[in-house]
Amino acid sequence: MEMKKRINLELRNRAPEEVTELVLDNCLCVNGEIEGLNDTFKELEFLSMANVELSSLARLPSLNKLRKLELSDNIISGGLEVLAEKCPNLTYLNLSGNKIKDLSTVEALQNLKNLKSLDLFNCEITNLEDYRESIFELLQQITYLDGFDQEDNEAPDSEEEDDEDGDEDDEDEEEDEAGPPEGYEEEEEEEEDEDEDEAGSELGEGEEEVGLSYLMKEEIQVNRNFLPTLKINYLGIGLSTVKSVFCRNLRVVSNLWMCIYLSACFFSHCPPYSL
């Protein structure tokens, strides 16, 4: 497919000034020149024209907002001075797999003051002695050459994404260090204590009412001072304590046999012996 037709396809009913990224890889340049791309793409920030048989950049339009330019696997051998004129804000330039042979060709990139990453991999220039040292000396504004800096540290995939991630991490760390607002922990602890007290009181009241209603229904009378304080749970009837459940004003029982009889009456649902 020719480049002009490919551009119309990639627009997808958008106006050229609305496009920020344009990928034209593997299409065909007529006579090795750019066609169909003009100054109306003024918002373009990323342009890729890899493997399009491009040999000349003479017809490259003015793209002042362009940051990344992919020109790999073409047949470009010179004319790089156009880039500084048409795309002055380039930060990333990929010329790998082209016909660039000597340092004088690359020297034209000195005017790209914002250029940080340059890729010349698989170009004949890489066969020169002290190739990397020479490029870093010639283009002092760049940080990465062929994906690595002067100390052989690999370049990140996207410097912009790394910056954004770093900002988000800094914000998260600041929030962690700041911690919860003052008084937050105290309020939370007070709420937990209140919830526990309410739950305990509800449980105690429920047990007391059920046990008391049962005893009153069966008209059982037992001296509250006779039995020790303990929990009784008989046939699903819960009593928090004997003292808090059994009826008041119960008669003192001094006879052990009477105590045994009263206990038997209680557990067998029989009314006690009337004294």
Protein backbone atom coordinates (compact mmCIF):
# COMPACT_ATOMS: atom_id res chain seq x y z
CA MET A 1 0.00 0.00 0.00
CA GLU A 2 1.29 3.46 -0.85
CA MET A 3 2.04 5.87 1.99
CA LYS A 4 -0.65 8.36 0.97
CA LYS A 5 -3.38 5.72 1.08
CA ARG A 6 -2.04 4.38 4.34
CA ILE A 7 -2.24 7.81 5.94
CA ASN A 8 -5.87 8.19 4.88
CA LEU A 9 -6.60 4.78 6.38
CA GLU A 10 -4.86 5.61 9.67
CA LEU A 11 -6.80 8.85 10.07
CA ARG A 12 -10.01 6.87 10.71
CA ASN A 13 -12.32 9.82 10.03
CA ARG A 14 -10.23 12.13 12.21
CA ALA A 15 -8.90 15.49 11.18
CA PRO A 16 -5.07 15.59 10.79
CA GLU A 17 -4.75 18.13 13.59
CA GLU A 18 -6.38 15.66 16.01
CA VAL A 19 -3.75 12.95 15.47
CA THR A 20 -0.92 12.63 18.01
CA GLU A 21 0.45 9.23 16.94
CA LEU A 22 0.84 7.90 13.41
CA VAL A 23 2.26 4.51 12.42
CA LEU A 24 3.01 3.98 8.72
CA ASP A 25 5.33 0.96 8.95
CA ASN A 26 5.75 -1.35 5.95
CA CYS A 27 3.93 0.84 3.45
CA LEU A 28 5.56 2.01 0.19
CA CYS A 29 7.24 5.34 -0.50
CA VAL A 30 7.05 6.41 -4.12
CA ASN A 31 10.54 7.42 -5.30
CA GLY A 32 11.80 7.00 -1.74
CA GLU A 33 10.15 10.22 -0.55
CA ILE A 34 7.46 11.07 1.99
CA GLU A 35 4.02 11.75 0.55
CA GLY A 36 0.63 12.48 2.06
CA LEU A 37 2.14 13.93 5.24
CA ASN A 38 1.86 17.71 5.59
CA ASP A 39 1.90 20.58 8.08
CA THR A 40 -1.71 19.97 9.14
CA PHE A 41 -0.44 17.18 11.44
CA LYS A 42 0.70 19.87 13.85
CA GLU A 43 -0.20 17.90 17.02
CA LEU A 44 1.80 14.84 16.03
CA GLU A 45 4.10 13.60 18.81
CA PHE A 46 5.02 10.12 17.58
CA LEU A 47 5.70 9.14 13.96
CA SER A 48 6.85 5.73 12.76
CA MET A 49 7.93 5.07 9.17
CA ALA A 50 9.88 1.83 9.52
CA ASN A 51 10.65 -0.29 6.47
CA VAL A 52 8.99 1.99 3.91
CA GLU A 53 11.93 2.21 1.47
CA LEU A 54 12.53 5.82 2.46
CA SER A 55 15.73 7.34 1.12
CA SER A 56 15.13 11.08 1.55
CA LEU A 57 13.75 13.32 4.30
CA ALA A 58 13.44 16.36 2.05
CA ARG A 59 9.63 16.30 2.07
CA LEU A 60 9.27 15.94 5.80
CA PRO A 61 6.73 18.57 6.99
CA SER A 62 7.20 20.85 9.99
CA LEU A 63 6.25 18.90 13.09
CA ASN A 64 7.18 21.09 16.03
CA LYS A 65 5.55 18.84 18.65
CA LEU A 66 7.14 15.63 17.39
CA ARG A 67 9.10 13.85 20.15
CA LYS A 68 9.74 10.36 18.80
CA LEU A 69 10.65 9.47 15.21
CA GLU A 70 11.09 5.88 13.99
CA LEU A 71 12.96 5.57 10.67
CA SER A 72 14.51 2.11 11.04
CA ASP A 73 15.15 -0.32 8.16
CA ASN A 74 15.14 2.24 5.36
CA ILE A 75 17.82 3.36 2.90
CA ILE A 76 18.63 6.79 4.33
CA SER A 77 22.26 7.76 3.79
CA GLY A 78 22.24 11.51 4.54
CA GLY A 79 20.22 14.70 4.64
CA LEU A 80 19.73 14.53 8.42
CA GLU A 81 20.02 18.32 8.77
CA VAL A 82 16.32 18.49 7.81
CA LEU A 83 15.41 16.99 11.18
CA ALA A 84 16.71 19.96 13.16
CA GLU A 85 14.76 22.32 10.94
CA LYS A 86 11.46 20.43 10.77
CA CYS A 87 11.41 18.59 14.11
CA PRO A 88 13.42 20.73 16.56
CA ASN A 89 11.97 19.09 19.69
CA LEU A 90 12.90 15.49 18.95
CA THR A 91 14.02 13.51 21.99
CA TYR A 92 14.19 10.03 20.40
CA LEU A 93 15.46 9.13 16.92
CA ASN A 94 15.78 5.61 15.52
CA LEU A 95 17.93 5.31 12.38
CA SER A 96 18.92 1.67 12.81
CA GLY A 97 19.26 -0.43 9.68
CA ASN A 98 19.95 2.50 7.35
CA LYS A 99 22.89 3.37 5.09
CA ILE A 100 24.70 5.76 7.42
CA LYS A 101 28.44 5.22 7.10
CA ASP A 102 30.46 8.05 8.65
CA LEU A 103 30.51 10.57 11.48
CA SER A 104 30.03 13.55 9.18
CA THR A 105 26.51 12.35 8.38
CA VAL A 106 25.62 12.16 12.07
CA GLU A 107 27.19 15.54 12.79
CA ALA A 108 24.05 17.23 11.43
CA LEU A 109 22.20 16.02 14.53
CA GLN A 110 24.11 18.40 16.78
CA ASN A 111 21.39 20.99 16.27
CA LEU A 112 18.79 18.68 17.85
CA LYS A 113 19.34 20.15 21.31
CA ASN A 114 16.64 18.03 23.00
CA LEU A 115 17.79 14.71 21.56
CA LYS A 116 18.37 12.17 24.35
CA SER A 117 18.31 8.81 22.60
CA LEU A 118 19.80 7.86 19.21
CA ASP A 119 19.77 4.42 17.63
CA LEU A 120 22.23 3.60 14.83
CA PHE A 121 22.28 -0.15 15.35
CA ASN A 122 23.02 -2.19 12.23
CA CYS A 123 24.32 0.82 10.32
CA GLU A 124 27.78 0.71 8.75
CA ILE A 125 28.93 3.50 11.05
CA THR A 126 28.91 1.08 13.96
CA ASN A 127 31.92 -0.68 12.44
CA LEU A 128 34.13 2.35 13.01
CA GLU A 129 36.85 2.12 15.64
CA ASP A 130 35.80 3.78 18.89
CA TYR A 131 32.35 4.23 17.44
CA ARG A 132 30.51 4.78 20.72
CA GLU A 133 33.12 7.11 22.19
CA SER A 134 33.12 9.18 19.01
CA ILE A 135 29.33 9.52 18.89
CA PHE A 136 29.07 10.54 22.55
CA GLU A 137 31.81 13.10 22.01
CA LEU A 138 30.19 14.44 18.83
CA LEU A 139 26.62 14.54 20.19
CA GLN A 140 27.07 15.55 23.79
CA GLN A 141 23.37 16.17 24.32
CA ILE A 142 22.40 12.48 23.97
CA THR A 143 22.19 10.11 26.95
CA TYR A 144 21.60 6.80 25.19
CA LEU A 145 23.19 5.35 22.06
CA ASP A 146 21.77 2.11 20.65
CA GLY A 147 19.84 1.61 23.88
CA PHE A 148 22.72 2.12 26.37
CA ASP A 149 24.39 5.06 28.06
CA GLN A 150 28.15 5.62 28.34
CA GLU A 151 28.33 3.30 31.37
CA ASP A 152 26.47 0.57 29.46
CA ASN A 153 23.30 1.03 31.47
CA GLU A 154 20.24 0.06 29.46
CA ALA A 155 17.74 2.74 28.56
CA PRO A 156 14.18 2.43 29.94
CA ASP A 157 11.46 1.47 27.49
CA SER A 158 9.80 4.84 27.87
CA GLU A 159 11.31 7.72 29.77
CA GLU A 160 7.94 9.44 30.07
CA GLU A 161 6.29 6.37 31.63
CA ASP A 162 9.15 6.01 34.08
CA ASP A 163 8.78 9.65 35.13
CA GLU A 164 5.06 9.22 35.67
CA ASP A 165 5.56 6.04 37.66
CA GLY A 166 8.20 7.75 39.74
CA ASP A 167 5.83 10.62 40.54
CA GLU A 168 3.08 8.21 41.56
CA ASP A 169 5.48 6.26 43.78
CA ASP A 170 6.61 9.49 45.45
CA GLU A 171 2.99 10.43 46.15
CA ASP A 172 2.28 7.00 47.64
CA GLU A 173 5.36 7.21 49.87
CA GLU A 174 4.35 10.65 51.10
CA GLU A 175 0.89 9.36 51.98
CA ASP A 176 2.38 6.38 53.82
CA GLU A 177 4.79 8.57 55.76
CA ALA A 178 2.06 11.03 56.66
CA GLY A 179 -0.06 8.28 58.20
CA PRO A 180 -3.67 8.67 59.42
CA PRO A 181 -4.85 12.06 60.71
CA GLU A 182 -4.43 12.93 64.36
CA GLY A 183 -7.03 11.40 66.64
CA TYR A 184 -8.02 8.82 64.03
CA GLU A 185 -6.59 5.86 65.97
CA GLU A 186 -8.11 7.03 69.25
CA GLU A 187 -11.55 7.42 67.69
CA GLU A 188 -11.30 3.98 66.11
CA GLU A 189 -10.34 2.37 69.43
CA GLU A 190 -13.22 4.12 71.22
CA GLU A 191 -15.69 2.90 68.59
CA GLU A 192 -14.41 -0.69 68.95
CA ASP A 193 -14.78 -0.53 72.76
CA GLU A 194 -18.33 0.82 72.43
CA ASP A 195 -19.24 -1.96 69.99
CA GLU A 196 -17.88 -4.61 72.36
CA ASP A 197 -19.76 -3.14 75.33
CA GLU A 198 -23.02 -3.00 73.37
CA ALA A 199 -22.60 -6.58 72.16
CA GLY A 200 -21.86 -7.81 75.70
CA SER A 201 -24.78 -5.97 77.24
CA GLU A 202 -27.20 -7.23 74.60
CA LEU A 203 -26.08 -10.80 75.14
CA GLY A 204 -26.35 -10.54 78.92
CA GLU A 205 -29.78 -8.96 78.80
CA GLY A 206 -31.05 -11.58 76.36
CA GLU A 207 -29.88 -14.44 78.56
CA GLU A 208 -31.29 -12.88 81.69
CA GLU A 209 -34.74 -12.28 80.23
CA VAL A 210 -35.05 -15.79 78.81
CA GLY A 211 -33.94 -17.49 82.04
CA LEU A 212 -36.07 -15.28 84.27
CA SER A 213 -39.21 -15.75 82.16
CA TYR A 214 -38.74 -19.49 82.31
CA LEU A 215 -38.32 -19.55 86.07
CA MET A 216 -41.32 -17.30 86.62
CA LYS A 217 -43.42 -19.48 84.32
CA GLU A 218 -42.53 -22.60 86.30
CA GLU A 219 -42.84 -20.71 89.63
CA ILE A 220 -39.51 -22.01 90.83
CA GLN A 221 -38.12 -20.41 93.99
CA VAL A 222 -34.53 -20.91 95.01
CA ASN A 223 -32.47 -18.93 97.47
CA ARG A 224 -30.10 -16.68 95.47
CA ASN A 225 -27.53 -16.90 98.29
CA PHE A 226 -27.48 -20.68 98.23
CA LEU A 227 -25.87 -21.42 94.88
CA PRO A 228 -22.52 -19.90 93.80
CA THR A 229 -22.28 -17.50 90.88
CA LEU A 230 -21.98 -19.51 87.64
CA LYS A 231 -23.43 -19.79 84.17
CA ILE A 232 -26.22 -22.29 83.45
CA ASN A 233 -27.28 -23.25 79.99
CA TYR A 234 -30.03 -25.87 80.17
CA LEU A 235 -32.27 -26.76 77.21
CA GLY A 236 -31.11 -23.66 75.36
CA ILE A 237 -31.97 -21.34 78.29
CA GLY A 238 -28.99 -19.15 79.11
CA LEU A 239 -28.41 -17.56 82.52
CA SER A 240 -25.57 -15.11 82.93
CA THR A 241 -25.36 -15.72 86.67
CA VAL A 242 -27.60 -17.28 89.26
CA LYS A 243 -27.56 -14.12 91.32
CA SER A 244 -28.75 -11.93 88.44
CA VAL A 245 -31.50 -14.33 87.33
CA PHE A 246 -33.21 -16.09 90.22
CA CYS A 247 -36.05 -14.37 91.97
CA ARG A 248 -35.40 -12.30 95.01
CA ASN A 249 -36.70 -12.91 98.53
CA LEU A 250 -36.18 -16.69 98.37
CA ARG A 251 -36.41 -18.72 101.56
CA VAL A 252 -33.21 -19.85 103.25
CA VAL A 253 -32.76 -23.57 102.96
CA SER A 254 -30.59 -25.13 105.65
CA ASN A 255 -31.32 -28.74 105.13
CA LEU A 256 -29.04 -30.51 102.65
CA TRP A 257 -31.78 -32.92 101.59
CA MET A 258 -34.05 -30.01 100.85
CA CYS A 259 -31.34 -28.53 98.66
CA ILE A 260 -31.04 -31.78 96.74
CA TYR A 261 -34.80 -31.92 96.30
CA LEU A 262 -34.99 -28.34 95.05
CA SER A 263 -32.20 -28.97 92.58
CA ALA A 264 -33.93 -32.09 91.28
CA CYS A 265 -37.17 -30.16 90.91
CA PHE A 266 -35.39 -27.42 88.97
CA PHE A 267 -33.80 -29.73 86.42
CA SER A 268 -36.87 -31.90 86.03
CA HIS A 269 -39.23 -28.94 85.41
CA CYS A 270 -41.22 -29.83 88.53
CA PRO A 271 -42.49 -27.17 90.93
CA PRO A 272 -40.69 -27.26 94.27
CA TYR A 273 -42.20 -28.62 97.45
CA SER A 274 -44.25 -25.96 99.21
CA LEU A 275 -42.95 -25.39 102.68
